[in-house]
Amino acid sequence: MIATILPGSTNFHAVGYNEHKVSKGVARLIEIQNFGSLGTFHKPTPSELVSYLQKYSSQNNRIRKPQFHVAISCKGHEMSEDELLDFAHQYLKEMGYGESGQPLLVYSHYDTENTHLHIITSRVAPDGRKIQHSHERRRSQEVIDRILGNDRKKKTEDDINWAKQYTFSSFAQFKSIMVSMGYEVYQKDGNVFVKYGGKVQKEIPFTEIESLFKSGYRERTRCRQLRSILKKYRDVSSNKEELQKELKTKFGIDIVFFGKKDAPYGYMLVDHANKTVIHGARVLAVEELLDFTTPEERFNRIEDYIDRLLTLNPKITQSEIYSKIRKQRAYIKKGIIYFDGQSRPLKPFMAEAIDRNNRIAMVEMFNPATEAERDLLCKIFKVSRTDLVDVSLERTHHHTDAVNRLRDIFNDENITSVRSRLHEEGFTIRQEEDATYAINFKQHIIINLTEENFNLERLKQSVKQIERQKYQQQTKSTSHFSGKTKLRDVGGGSHSEKREWEVGQKGSYDDIDDGNSMKKITLY
């Protein structure tokens, strides 16, 4: 049984709150007492009810907020509406609101899974005195326990013993278990104080709790399961209270937040089914847990942010955007936004701009120092907006070192094929109009060989050409023989041992003779 005393007011706004629930069909006024003739001939309007309560309370103008508003609820539907109403009357009498002539409104609500009533009256007694309200919340719990015959101290001891059976590794985690049971817990002067209903019910040495600390619960599979559960029910909840209720009802998991009610800085998950406590940060960041927007709204928010980044920096790249949006647990790749396991295409103009910027960044990695170099690289990387590419004011030392390395290769007479050697060094030769370039795509270097006065004639010779020249030189130095001598050297008949060497061993006729000559030899 829970009695929640709600804030007071000068204008009895609780009447409007409850009547609004009535108008929506989720509440009903089940009792009205001591409102004079109101309700005798017609159903009173909300303004009539408020006016009567204000006039009644004006007997004592020293009370600034005369409204007394309390919600009384039981667990589930263990009590009927009539039984709960009887309990409410006993409660009001014990609290000092049951005197004859005390105005009273009782509403029954049907918008939750438990039977509960809202009661509205005045803090002014029928004789005009102020009804005692000191230590009101503590007295409220004592009254409930007295009516129900509860032994609160024994119940507290039982709950503490039950909490000790859980796996927890810190005082904060033990505290979370007790808070999930409805207690307030704090530590002071080496002792732990357990309060219920505003009153300390039990005091125990901190060392007694400390001795129960166990190694932190780190079961990864369960944490992954909880992460999925939290995200799923967060996306169908409108606030943290609704999320807490869903997790408690469906899975027996309590979410205990730390910090201010409207701005908690962290939370614990009390997993009653497994008797464990898990620090929320191991499962889902508190900011992510409390992000009560639809997936569509989150995608829109991320896309709007990317749009702002592009406005501030028209050349921003995909990697730079990633560094900005990773805190939102999102990333982009090839024009697609990825967020929490879901994806959605970026708006076309944004995807095209980012792709263009990626290409521009690739061009600028080469640090082109001339417009000609810039234009060639833009052509290679398919960048149409050459005006957006920066031209470097001076050469880098990497460029200078590469030029010197290439000059050594060009000047080395022992290198038979300069083009092949450049390829081994990672350079590709590119002819563009009247200039020849050496480009290293891995090291991001572009060299204008023509501008650097390299001997480009050395690029024209291939390995085969050089080997052919050597062969021709060797042939010239060999003695010339007559046709008969060549035939005698080859051998007499078609079954000669040398015939196999002549036509089959080399495997290439080009270096021996042409096809017609071979036919002539076969005929002999």
Protein backbone atom coordinates (compact mmCIF):
# COMPACT_ATOMS: atom_id res chain seq x y z
CA MET A 1 0.00 0.00 0.00
CA ILE A 2 1.34 3.41 -0.96
CA ALA A 3 0.08 6.88 -0.10
CA THR A 4 1.71 9.64 -2.11
CA ILE A 5 1.12 13.15 -0.79
CA LEU A 6 1.18 15.50 -3.78
CA PRO A 7 2.07 19.24 -3.78
CA GLY A 8 -0.35 21.75 -2.32
CA SER A 9 -1.67 24.83 -4.12
CA THR A 10 -3.60 28.03 -3.61
CA ASN A 11 -6.10 27.42 -6.42
CA PHE A 12 -6.80 23.70 -5.87
CA HIS A 13 -5.43 22.73 -9.29
CA ALA A 14 -5.83 19.05 -8.34
CA VAL A 15 -9.54 19.42 -9.15
CA GLY A 16 -8.75 20.38 -12.73
CA TYR A 17 -6.23 17.52 -13.01
CA ASN A 18 -8.74 14.90 -11.89
CA GLU A 19 -11.66 16.35 -13.86
CA HIS A 20 -9.49 16.26 -16.97
CA LYS A 21 -8.96 12.54 -16.37
CA VAL A 22 -12.75 12.18 -16.02
CA SER A 23 -13.30 13.94 -19.35
CA LYS A 24 -10.88 11.48 -21.01
CA GLY A 25 -12.80 8.52 -19.60
CA VAL A 26 -9.98 7.20 -17.40
CA ALA A 27 -11.31 8.43 -14.03
CA ARG A 28 -14.58 8.83 -12.14
CA LEU A 29 -15.73 10.95 -9.19
CA ILE A 30 -16.93 8.26 -6.78
CA GLU A 31 -17.53 10.35 -3.67
CA ILE A 32 -18.31 13.98 -2.81
CA GLN A 33 -18.89 15.00 0.84
CA ASN A 34 -19.65 18.23 2.66
CA PHE A 35 -19.93 20.51 -0.38
CA GLY A 36 -23.23 22.06 0.68
CA SER A 37 -25.91 21.83 -1.95
CA LEU A 38 -23.42 21.15 -4.75
CA GLY A 39 -24.25 17.90 -6.47
CA THR A 40 -27.79 17.78 -5.18
CA PHE A 41 -29.59 18.83 -8.35
CA HIS A 42 -26.89 18.59 -10.98
CA LYS A 43 -23.33 17.46 -11.43
CA PRO A 44 -21.06 20.25 -10.16
CA THR A 45 -18.64 21.84 -12.59
CA PRO A 46 -14.88 21.93 -11.84
CA SER A 47 -15.03 25.71 -11.27
CA GLU A 48 -17.87 25.28 -8.75
CA LEU A 49 -15.85 22.70 -6.83
CA VAL A 50 -12.77 24.92 -6.76
CA SER A 51 -14.80 27.96 -5.67
CA TYR A 52 -16.33 26.05 -2.77
CA LEU A 53 -12.94 24.74 -1.55
CA GLN A 54 -11.41 28.23 -1.75
CA LYS A 55 -14.34 29.79 0.14
CA TYR A 56 -14.19 27.04 2.80
CA SER A 57 -10.39 27.47 3.20
CA SER A 58 -10.68 31.27 3.55
CA GLN A 59 -11.60 30.69 7.21
CA ASN A 60 -7.87 30.56 7.84
CA ASN A 61 -6.02 33.06 5.64
CA ARG A 62 -2.67 32.18 7.19
CA ILE A 63 -2.47 28.97 5.15
CA ARG A 64 -0.91 29.86 1.76
CA LYS A 65 -1.48 26.50 0.06
CA PRO A 66 -4.57 24.92 1.59
CA GLN A 67 -4.93 22.07 -0.95
CA PHE A 68 -4.32 18.55 0.41
CA HIS A 69 -4.00 16.04 -2.44
CA VAL A 70 -3.07 12.40 -1.84
CA ALA A 71 -2.98 9.35 -4.12
CA ILE A 72 -3.57 5.97 -2.45
CA SER A 73 -2.79 2.80 -4.40
CA CYS A 74 -2.47 -0.90 -3.74
CA LYS A 75 -0.38 -3.53 -5.45
CA GLY A 76 -2.13 -4.51 -8.66
CA HIS A 77 -5.77 -5.21 -7.91
CA GLU A 78 -5.32 -6.93 -4.56
CA MET A 79 -8.03 -4.57 -3.24
CA SER A 80 -11.32 -3.71 -4.88
CA GLU A 81 -12.37 -0.10 -5.32
CA ASP A 82 -14.72 -0.32 -2.32
CA GLU A 83 -12.04 -1.92 -0.13
CA LEU A 84 -9.55 0.77 -1.08
CA LEU A 85 -12.17 3.46 -0.36
CA ASP A 86 -12.70 2.04 3.15
CA PHE A 87 -8.94 2.07 3.68
CA ALA A 88 -8.78 5.69 2.46
CA HIS A 89 -11.37 6.79 5.04
CA GLN A 90 -9.40 5.14 7.85
CA TYR A 91 -6.22 6.79 6.53
CA LEU A 92 -7.82 10.27 6.40
CA LYS A 93 -9.15 9.91 9.92
CA GLU A 94 -5.73 8.92 11.29
CA MET A 95 -4.13 11.84 9.41
CA GLY A 96 -6.63 14.36 10.86
CA TYR A 97 -8.86 14.85 7.82
CA GLY A 98 -11.85 12.79 8.96
CA GLU A 99 -13.80 15.26 11.08
CA SER A 100 -17.47 15.90 10.42
CA GLY A 101 -17.92 18.72 7.92
CA GLN A 102 -14.54 18.24 6.20
CA PRO A 103 -15.09 18.68 2.40
CA LEU A 104 -13.92 15.65 0.46
CA LEU A 105 -13.55 14.63 -3.21
CA VAL A 106 -12.55 11.06 -4.10
CA TYR A 107 -11.69 10.08 -7.68
CA SER A 108 -10.99 6.56 -8.90
CA HIS A 109 -8.46 6.27 -11.75
CA TYR A 110 -8.35 3.51 -14.36
CA ASP A 111 -5.29 4.46 -16.44
CA THR A 112 -2.80 2.22 -14.58
CA GLU A 113 -2.49 -1.47 -13.83
CA ASN A 114 -3.21 -0.99 -10.12
CA THR A 115 -6.28 0.21 -8.25
CA HIS A 116 -5.74 3.74 -6.99
CA LEU A 117 -7.67 6.73 -5.70
CA HIS A 118 -7.01 10.47 -5.67
CA ILE A 119 -8.37 12.41 -2.71
CA ILE A 120 -8.72 16.19 -2.50
CA THR A 121 -9.58 18.19 0.61
CA SER A 122 -8.43 21.27 2.54
CA ARG A 123 -5.75 21.63 5.19
CA VAL A 124 -8.26 23.76 7.11
CA ALA A 125 -10.40 21.95 9.68
CA PRO A 126 -14.17 22.65 9.93
CA ASP A 127 -13.53 24.93 12.94
CA GLY A 128 -10.97 26.99 11.00
CA ARG A 129 -7.80 25.69 12.59
CA LYS A 130 -4.89 24.34 10.56
CA ILE A 131 -4.73 20.55 10.39
CA GLN A 132 -1.42 19.24 11.74
CA HIS A 133 1.02 18.61 8.89
CA SER A 134 4.46 18.33 10.55
CA HIS A 135 6.40 15.18 9.55
CA GLU A 136 3.45 14.45 7.31
CA ARG A 137 5.10 11.90 5.04
CA ARG A 138 6.59 9.97 7.93
CA ARG A 139 3.27 9.93 9.76
CA SER A 140 1.59 8.83 6.54
CA GLN A 141 3.68 5.65 6.40
CA GLU A 142 3.18 4.97 10.09
CA VAL A 143 -0.58 5.30 9.61
CA ILE A 144 -0.53 2.84 6.70
CA ASP A 145 1.52 0.32 8.70
CA ARG A 146 -0.79 0.70 11.68
CA ILE A 147 -3.94 0.16 9.62
CA LEU A 148 -2.47 -2.86 7.83
CA GLY A 149 -0.87 -4.26 10.97
CA ASN A 150 2.61 -4.13 9.44
CA ASP A 151 5.72 -4.46 11.57
CA ARG A 152 7.84 -2.05 9.59
CA LYS A 153 11.08 -2.69 11.48
CA LYS A 154 10.80 -6.44 10.97
CA LYS A 155 9.90 -5.91 7.31
CA THR A 156 12.99 -3.71 6.92
CA GLU A 157 15.23 -6.37 8.49
CA ASP A 158 13.76 -9.01 6.19
CA ASP A 159 14.37 -6.81 3.13
CA ILE A 160 17.97 -6.10 4.16
CA ASN A 161 18.62 -9.83 4.58
CA TRP A 162 17.09 -10.41 1.16
CA ALA A 163 19.31 -7.71 -0.39
CA LYS A 164 22.39 -9.35 1.08
CA GLN A 165 21.77 -12.37 -1.14
CA TYR A 166 22.41 -10.30 -4.28
CA THR A 167 25.73 -9.94 -6.06
CA PHE A 168 27.02 -6.39 -5.50
CA SER A 169 30.51 -4.92 -5.42
CA SER A 170 29.99 -1.46 -3.92
CA PHE A 171 27.85 0.48 -1.48
CA ALA A 172 26.16 2.22 -4.42
CA GLN A 173 25.02 -1.15 -5.77
CA PHE A 174 23.72 -2.29 -2.36
CA LYS A 175 21.92 1.02 -2.07
CA SER A 176 20.32 0.43 -5.50
CA ILE A 177 18.81 -2.85 -4.29
CA MET A 178 17.28 -1.17 -1.25
CA VAL A 179 16.03 1.81 -3.28
CA SER A 180 14.32 -0.60 -5.68
CA MET A 181 12.40 -1.90 -2.63
CA GLY A 182 11.26 1.61 -1.71
CA TYR A 183 13.87 2.50 0.92
CA GLU A 184 16.14 5.49 1.36
CA VAL A 185 19.72 4.54 2.22
CA TYR A 186 22.70 6.67 3.17
CA GLN A 187 26.07 6.25 4.84
CA LYS A 188 27.28 8.39 7.78
CA ASP A 189 29.98 8.02 10.43
CA GLY A 190 30.74 4.43 9.53
CA ASN A 191 27.11 3.34 9.62
CA VAL A 192 24.43 2.67 7.03
CA PHE A 193 20.98 4.11 7.67
CA VAL A 194 17.89 2.57 6.08
CA LYS A 195 14.80 4.79 6.02
CA TYR A 196 11.22 4.07 5.04
CA GLY A 197 8.37 6.54 5.13
CA GLY A 198 10.75 9.30 6.21
CA LYS A 199 11.84 7.39 9.34
CA VAL A 200 15.05 5.45 10.00
CA GLN A 201 14.01 1.84 10.38
CA LYS A 202 17.43 0.21 10.69
CA GLU A 203 21.03 1.21 11.36
CA ILE A 204 23.85 -1.21 10.54
CA PRO A 205 27.67 -0.91 10.51
CA PHE A 206 29.13 -0.15 7.09
CA THR A 207 31.67 -2.95 7.59
CA GLU A 208 28.79 -5.43 7.64
CA ILE A 209 27.82 -4.38 4.11
CA GLU A 210 31.42 -4.02 2.95
CA SER A 211 32.17 -7.62 3.90
CA LEU A 212 29.55 -8.71 1.35
CA PHE A 213 31.21 -6.97 -1.61
CA LYS A 214 31.90 -9.43 -4.41
CA SER A 215 33.77 -9.10 -7.66
CA GLY A 216 31.81 -6.99 -10.11
CA TYR A 217 29.25 -8.71 -12.25
CA ARG A 218 30.65 -8.64 -15.80
CA GLU A 219 28.75 -11.35 -17.66
CA ARG A 220 28.93 -10.01 -21.21
CA THR A 221 26.12 -12.05 -22.68
CA ARG A 222 23.65 -10.73 -20.11
CA CYS A 223 24.86 -7.16 -20.66
CA ARG A 224 24.25 -7.53 -24.40
CA GLN A 225 20.77 -8.90 -23.72
CA LEU A 226 19.99 -5.99 -21.41
CA ARG A 227 21.29 -3.50 -23.95
CA SER A 228 18.87 -4.83 -26.56
CA ILE A 229 16.00 -4.81 -24.06
CA LEU A 230 16.68 -1.25 -22.93
CA LYS A 231 16.91 0.10 -26.47
CA LYS A 232 13.77 -1.72 -27.56
CA TYR A 233 11.60 -0.46 -24.70
CA ARG A 234 13.16 3.00 -24.72
CA ASP A 235 11.92 3.42 -28.29
CA VAL A 236 8.33 2.68 -27.25
CA SER A 237 8.41 4.72 -24.02
CA SER A 238 7.71 8.43 -23.72
CA ASN A 239 9.73 9.03 -20.53
CA LYS A 240 11.96 7.32 -17.99
CA GLU A 241 9.09 6.57 -15.62
CA GLU A 242 7.28 4.66 -18.33
CA LEU A 243 10.49 2.83 -19.23
CA GLN A 244 11.07 1.90 -15.58
CA LYS A 245 7.56 0.52 -15.33
CA GLU A 246 7.91 -1.58 -18.51
CA LEU A 247 11.21 -3.11 -17.38
CA LYS A 248 9.88 -3.84 -13.90
CA THR A 249 6.62 -5.39 -15.13
CA LYS A 250 7.99 -7.48 -17.99
CA PHE A 251 11.46 -8.49 -16.78
CA GLY A 252 11.63 -7.86 -13.04
CA ILE A 253 14.38 -5.30 -13.61
CA ASP A 254 14.51 -2.04 -11.67
CA ILE A 255 16.27 1.00 -13.13
CA VAL A 256 17.61 3.08 -10.25
CA PHE A 257 18.81 6.54 -11.29
CA PHE A 258 21.37 8.72 -9.50
CA GLY A 259 21.38 12.50 -9.43
CA LYS A 260 18.60 14.99 -9.96
CA LYS A 261 15.21 13.63 -10.92
CA ASP A 262 15.11 15.53 -14.20
CA ALA A 263 18.84 15.22 -14.95
CA PRO A 264 20.28 11.94 -13.63
CA TYR A 265 23.99 11.41 -14.17
CA GLY A 266 23.91 7.60 -14.01
CA TYR A 267 21.91 4.53 -13.14
CA MET A 268 22.03 0.94 -11.90
CA LEU A 269 20.13 -2.08 -13.16
CA VAL A 270 18.83 -4.29 -10.36
CA ASP A 271 18.19 -7.63 -12.01
CA HIS A 272 15.94 -9.34 -9.49
CA ALA A 273 15.60 -12.49 -11.57
CA ASN A 274 19.35 -13.12 -11.37
CA LYS A 275 19.89 -11.32 -8.05
CA THR A 276 22.58 -9.13 -9.54
CA VAL A 277 23.28 -5.42 -9.85
CA ILE A 278 24.86 -4.08 -13.04
CA HIS A 279 26.28 -0.61 -13.48
CA GLY A 280 24.27 1.00 -16.26
CA ALA A 281 27.34 2.40 -17.99
CA ARG A 282 28.34 -1.20 -18.86
CA VAL A 283 25.10 -1.63 -20.76
CA LEU A 284 24.01 1.73 -22.21
CA ALA A 285 25.15 5.30 -21.58
CA VAL A 286 22.60 7.25 -19.56
CA GLU A 287 22.31 9.88 -22.32
CA GLU A 288 21.48 7.14 -24.80
CA LEU A 289 19.04 5.47 -22.40
CA LEU A 290 17.10 8.71 -21.90
CA ASP A 291 16.98 9.60 -25.60
CA PHE A 292 13.21 9.22 -25.90
CA THR A 293 12.84 9.99 -29.59
CA THR A 294 11.80 7.73 -32.43
CA PRO A 295 14.47 6.23 -34.72
CA GLU A 296 13.16 8.44 -37.51
CA GLU A 297 13.59 11.54 -35.36
CA ARG A 298 17.14 10.48 -34.47
CA PHE A 299 18.05 10.03 -38.13
CA ASN A 300 16.57 13.45 -38.92
CA ARG A 301 18.57 14.99 -36.08
CA ILE A 302 21.83 13.42 -37.28
CA GLU A 303 21.15 14.45 -40.88
CA ASP A 304 20.40 18.03 -39.83
CA TYR A 305 23.67 18.10 -37.92
CA ILE A 306 25.61 16.88 -40.97
CA ASP A 307 23.89 19.55 -43.05
CA ARG A 308 25.08 22.21 -40.60
CA LEU A 309 28.62 20.82 -40.75
CA LEU A 310 28.59 21.08 -44.55
CA THR A 311 27.35 24.66 -44.30
CA LEU A 312 30.13 25.63 -41.91
CA ASN A 313 32.79 23.75 -43.89
CA PRO A 314 31.84 23.06 -47.56
CA LYS A 315 34.95 20.85 -47.94
CA ILE A 316 34.41 18.66 -44.87
CA THR A 317 35.17 15.00 -45.54
CA GLN A 318 33.55 11.75 -44.46
CA SER A 319 36.26 11.03 -41.86
CA GLU A 320 35.91 14.52 -40.39
CA ILE A 321 32.14 14.11 -40.15
CA TYR A 322 32.62 10.73 -38.47
CA SER A 323 34.75 12.33 -35.74
CA LYS A 324 31.86 14.73 -35.10
CA ILE A 325 28.92 12.30 -35.07
CA ARG A 326 30.51 9.30 -33.38
CA LYS A 327 29.39 10.72 -30.02
CA GLN A 328 25.86 10.27 -31.32
CA ARG A 329 26.72 6.61 -32.02
CA ALA A 330 26.39 7.15 -35.76
CA TYR A 331 28.61 7.05 -38.82
CA ILE A 332 28.29 7.49 -42.59
CA LYS A 333 29.68 5.40 -45.41
CA LYS A 334 29.10 5.74 -49.13
CA GLY A 335 26.14 8.07 -48.68
CA ILE A 336 24.45 5.96 -45.97
CA ILE A 337 23.85 6.94 -42.33
CA TYR A 338 24.30 4.05 -39.89
CA PHE A 339 22.83 4.38 -36.40
CA ASP A 340 22.10 1.74 -33.75
CA GLY A 341 22.11 -1.12 -36.26
CA GLN A 342 19.80 0.73 -38.64
CA SER A 343 20.61 2.65 -41.81
CA ARG A 344 19.12 5.30 -44.04
CA PRO A 345 20.40 7.01 -47.22
CA LEU A 346 21.60 10.57 -46.88
CA LYS A 347 19.85 13.22 -48.92
CA PRO A 348 21.38 13.05 -52.44
CA PHE A 349 22.87 16.56 -52.43
CA MET A 350 24.63 15.83 -49.12
CA ALA A 351 25.94 12.44 -50.25
CA GLU A 352 27.27 14.01 -53.48
CA ALA A 353 28.96 16.86 -51.59
CA ILE A 354 30.68 14.47 -49.18
CA ASP A 355 31.83 12.19 -52.03
CA ARG A 356 33.21 15.24 -53.86
CA ASN A 357 35.00 16.40 -50.71
CA ASN A 358 36.54 12.96 -50.21
CA ARG A 359 37.94 13.13 -53.74
CA ILE A 360 39.20 16.68 -53.23
CA ALA A 361 40.97 15.54 -50.06
CA MET A 362 42.65 12.74 -52.02
CA VAL A 363 43.91 15.25 -54.59
CA GLU A 364 45.19 17.62 -51.91
CA MET A 365 47.15 14.78 -50.29
CA PHE A 366 49.52 15.08 -53.28
CA ASN A 367 50.13 18.77 -52.48
CA PRO A 368 50.00 19.85 -56.15
CA ALA A 369 52.15 22.96 -56.61
CA THR A 370 50.93 23.95 -60.07
CA GLU A 371 47.57 24.23 -61.74
CA ALA A 372 48.69 21.65 -64.29
CA GLU A 373 49.38 19.10 -61.54
CA ARG A 374 46.10 19.97 -59.84
CA ASP A 375 44.12 19.59 -63.08
CA LEU A 376 45.71 16.23 -63.89
CA LEU A 377 44.98 14.85 -60.42
CA CYS A 378 41.40 16.18 -60.60
CA LYS A 379 41.03 14.36 -63.89
CA ILE A 380 42.35 11.12 -62.36
CA PHE A 381 40.15 11.36 -59.24
CA LYS A 382 37.14 12.70 -61.16
CA VAL A 383 36.87 16.03 -59.37
CA SER A 384 34.85 18.46 -61.47
CA ARG A 385 35.28 21.45 -59.12
CA THR A 386 38.99 22.13 -59.63
CA ASP A 387 38.48 25.59 -58.12
CA LEU A 388 37.88 23.99 -54.71
CA VAL A 389 41.30 22.25 -54.70
CA ASP A 390 44.08 24.12 -52.95
CA VAL A 391 47.44 24.53 -54.71
CA SER A 392 50.48 24.27 -52.42
CA LEU A 393 52.75 27.28 -52.18
CA GLU A 394 55.93 25.23 -51.88
CA ARG A 395 57.21 21.71 -52.41
CA THR A 396 57.36 19.30 -49.49
CA HIS A 397 60.57 17.53 -48.52
CA HIS A 398 58.92 14.24 -49.59
CA HIS A 399 58.62 15.64 -53.11
CA THR A 400 62.26 16.81 -53.10
CA ASP A 401 63.50 13.42 -51.84
CA ALA A 402 61.46 11.62 -54.51
CA VAL A 403 62.88 13.84 -57.28
CA ASN A 404 66.43 13.08 -56.13
CA ARG A 405 65.66 9.36 -55.99
CA LEU A 406 64.27 9.38 -59.53
CA ARG A 407 67.25 11.37 -60.81
CA ASP A 408 69.59 8.69 -59.47
CA ILE A 409 67.61 6.06 -61.39
CA PHE A 410 67.64 8.04 -64.64
CA ASN A 411 71.39 8.65 -64.35
CA ASP A 412 72.28 5.04 -63.58
CA GLU A 413 73.53 3.52 -66.87
CA ASN A 414 73.38 0.03 -65.40
CA ILE A 415 69.59 0.22 -65.23
CA THR A 416 68.43 -1.27 -68.51
CA SER A 417 64.77 -0.21 -68.19
CA VAL A 418 64.07 3.01 -66.35
CA ARG A 419 60.31 2.57 -66.76
CA SER A 420 60.38 -0.85 -65.06
CA ARG A 421 62.53 0.46 -62.26
CA LEU A 422 60.15 3.36 -61.67
CA HIS A 423 57.30 0.87 -61.50
CA GLU A 424 59.21 -1.04 -58.82
CA GLU A 425 59.54 2.22 -56.90
CA GLY A 426 55.75 2.64 -57.03
CA PHE A 427 55.61 5.25 -59.81
CA THR A 428 53.25 5.26 -62.76
CA ILE A 429 54.13 7.25 -65.89
CA ARG A 430 51.38 9.50 -67.22
CA GLN A 431 51.61 11.52 -70.43
CA GLU A 432 49.42 14.64 -70.40
CA GLU A 433 49.64 16.99 -73.40
CA ASP A 434 53.28 18.17 -73.61
CA ALA A 435 54.31 16.98 -70.16
CA THR A 436 55.26 13.61 -68.67
CA TYR A 437 54.46 12.86 -65.03
CA ALA A 438 55.60 10.24 -62.54
CA ILE A 439 52.87 9.56 -59.98
CA ASN A 440 53.15 7.51 -56.80
CA PHE A 441 49.61 6.85 -55.55
CA LYS A 442 50.70 5.16 -52.34
CA GLN A 443 53.05 7.91 -51.21
CA HIS A 444 50.93 10.70 -52.76
CA ILE A 445 53.70 12.19 -54.89
CA ILE A 446 53.40 13.76 -58.34
CA ILE A 447 56.52 14.81 -60.28
CA ASN A 448 56.52 16.70 -63.56
CA LEU A 449 59.44 14.95 -65.27
CA THR A 450 59.39 17.41 -68.15
CA GLU A 451 59.54 20.44 -65.87
CA GLU A 452 62.35 18.83 -63.84
CA ASN A 453 64.40 18.28 -67.04
CA PHE A 454 64.65 14.49 -66.81
CA ASN A 455 66.11 12.62 -69.81
CA LEU A 456 62.79 11.29 -71.11
CA GLU A 457 64.52 9.34 -73.92
CA ARG A 458 65.39 6.71 -71.35
CA LEU A 459 61.68 6.04 -70.83
CA LYS A 460 61.27 5.07 -74.47
CA GLN A 461 63.41 1.94 -74.26
CA SER A 462 61.80 -1.24 -73.05
CA VAL A 463 63.58 -4.34 -71.76
CA LYS A 464 62.77 -6.29 -74.94
CA GLN A 465 64.19 -3.57 -77.12
CA ILE A 466 67.43 -3.53 -75.14
CA GLU A 467 67.71 -7.34 -75.22
CA ARG A 468 67.04 -7.32 -78.98
CA GLN A 469 69.82 -4.77 -79.47
CA LYS A 470 72.23 -6.92 -77.47
CA TYR A 471 71.27 -9.98 -79.52
CA GLN A 472 71.82 -8.14 -82.76
CA GLN A 473 75.25 -7.00 -81.59
CA GLN A 474 76.18 -10.58 -80.67
CA THR A 475 74.96 -11.82 -84.07
CA LYS A 476 77.12 -9.29 -85.90
CA SER A 477 80.23 -10.49 -84.12
CA THR A 478 79.58 -14.15 -85.08
CA SER A 479 81.19 -15.66 -88.28
CA HIS A 480 78.91 -16.01 -91.31
CA PHE A 481 78.59 -19.45 -92.92
CA SER A 482 77.16 -20.72 -96.24
CA GLY A 483 73.78 -22.38 -96.46
CA LYS A 484 75.34 -25.88 -96.85
CA THR A 485 77.43 -25.44 -93.76
CA LYS A 486 74.34 -24.50 -91.75
CA LEU A 487 72.57 -27.63 -92.99
CA ARG A 488 75.49 -29.82 -92.06
CA ASP A 489 75.54 -28.28 -88.62
CA VAL A 490 71.87 -28.94 -88.21
CA GLY A 491 72.08 -32.57 -89.11
CA GLY A 492 71.21 -34.91 -91.96
CA GLY A 493 67.74 -36.33 -91.68
CA SER A 494 64.42 -35.82 -90.03
CA HIS A 495 65.37 -38.32 -87.33
CA SER A 496 68.52 -36.47 -86.31
CA GLU A 497 69.01 -35.85 -82.55
CA LYS A 498 69.63 -32.18 -83.28
CA ARG A 499 66.23 -31.81 -84.95
CA GLU A 500 64.53 -31.82 -81.53
CA TRP A 501 66.78 -29.02 -80.28
CA GLU A 502 66.17 -27.05 -83.41
CA VAL A 503 62.39 -26.83 -83.39
CA GLY A 504 61.24 -27.85 -79.94
CA GLN A 505 63.68 -27.09 -77.18
CA LYS A 506 63.50 -23.29 -77.26
CA GLY A 507 59.75 -23.15 -77.55
CA SER A 508 59.91 -19.75 -79.38
CA TYR A 509 60.52 -19.48 -83.08
CA ASP A 510 61.06 -15.73 -83.03
CA ASP A 511 64.58 -15.97 -81.63
CA ILE A 512 65.65 -18.80 -83.97
CA ASP A 513 64.03 -18.39 -87.32
CA ASP A 514 60.69 -17.63 -88.87
CA GLY A 515 58.10 -20.18 -89.90
CA ASN A 516 59.15 -20.34 -93.60
CA SER A 517 62.74 -21.14 -92.77
CA MET A 518 61.59 -23.97 -90.53
CA LYS A 519 59.58 -25.43 -93.36
CA LYS A 520 62.59 -25.26 -95.65
CA ILE A 521 64.74 -27.11 -93.14
CA THR A 522 62.12 -29.82 -92.76
CA LEU A 523 62.02 -30.36 -96.49
CA TYR A 524 65.75 -31.08 -96.65
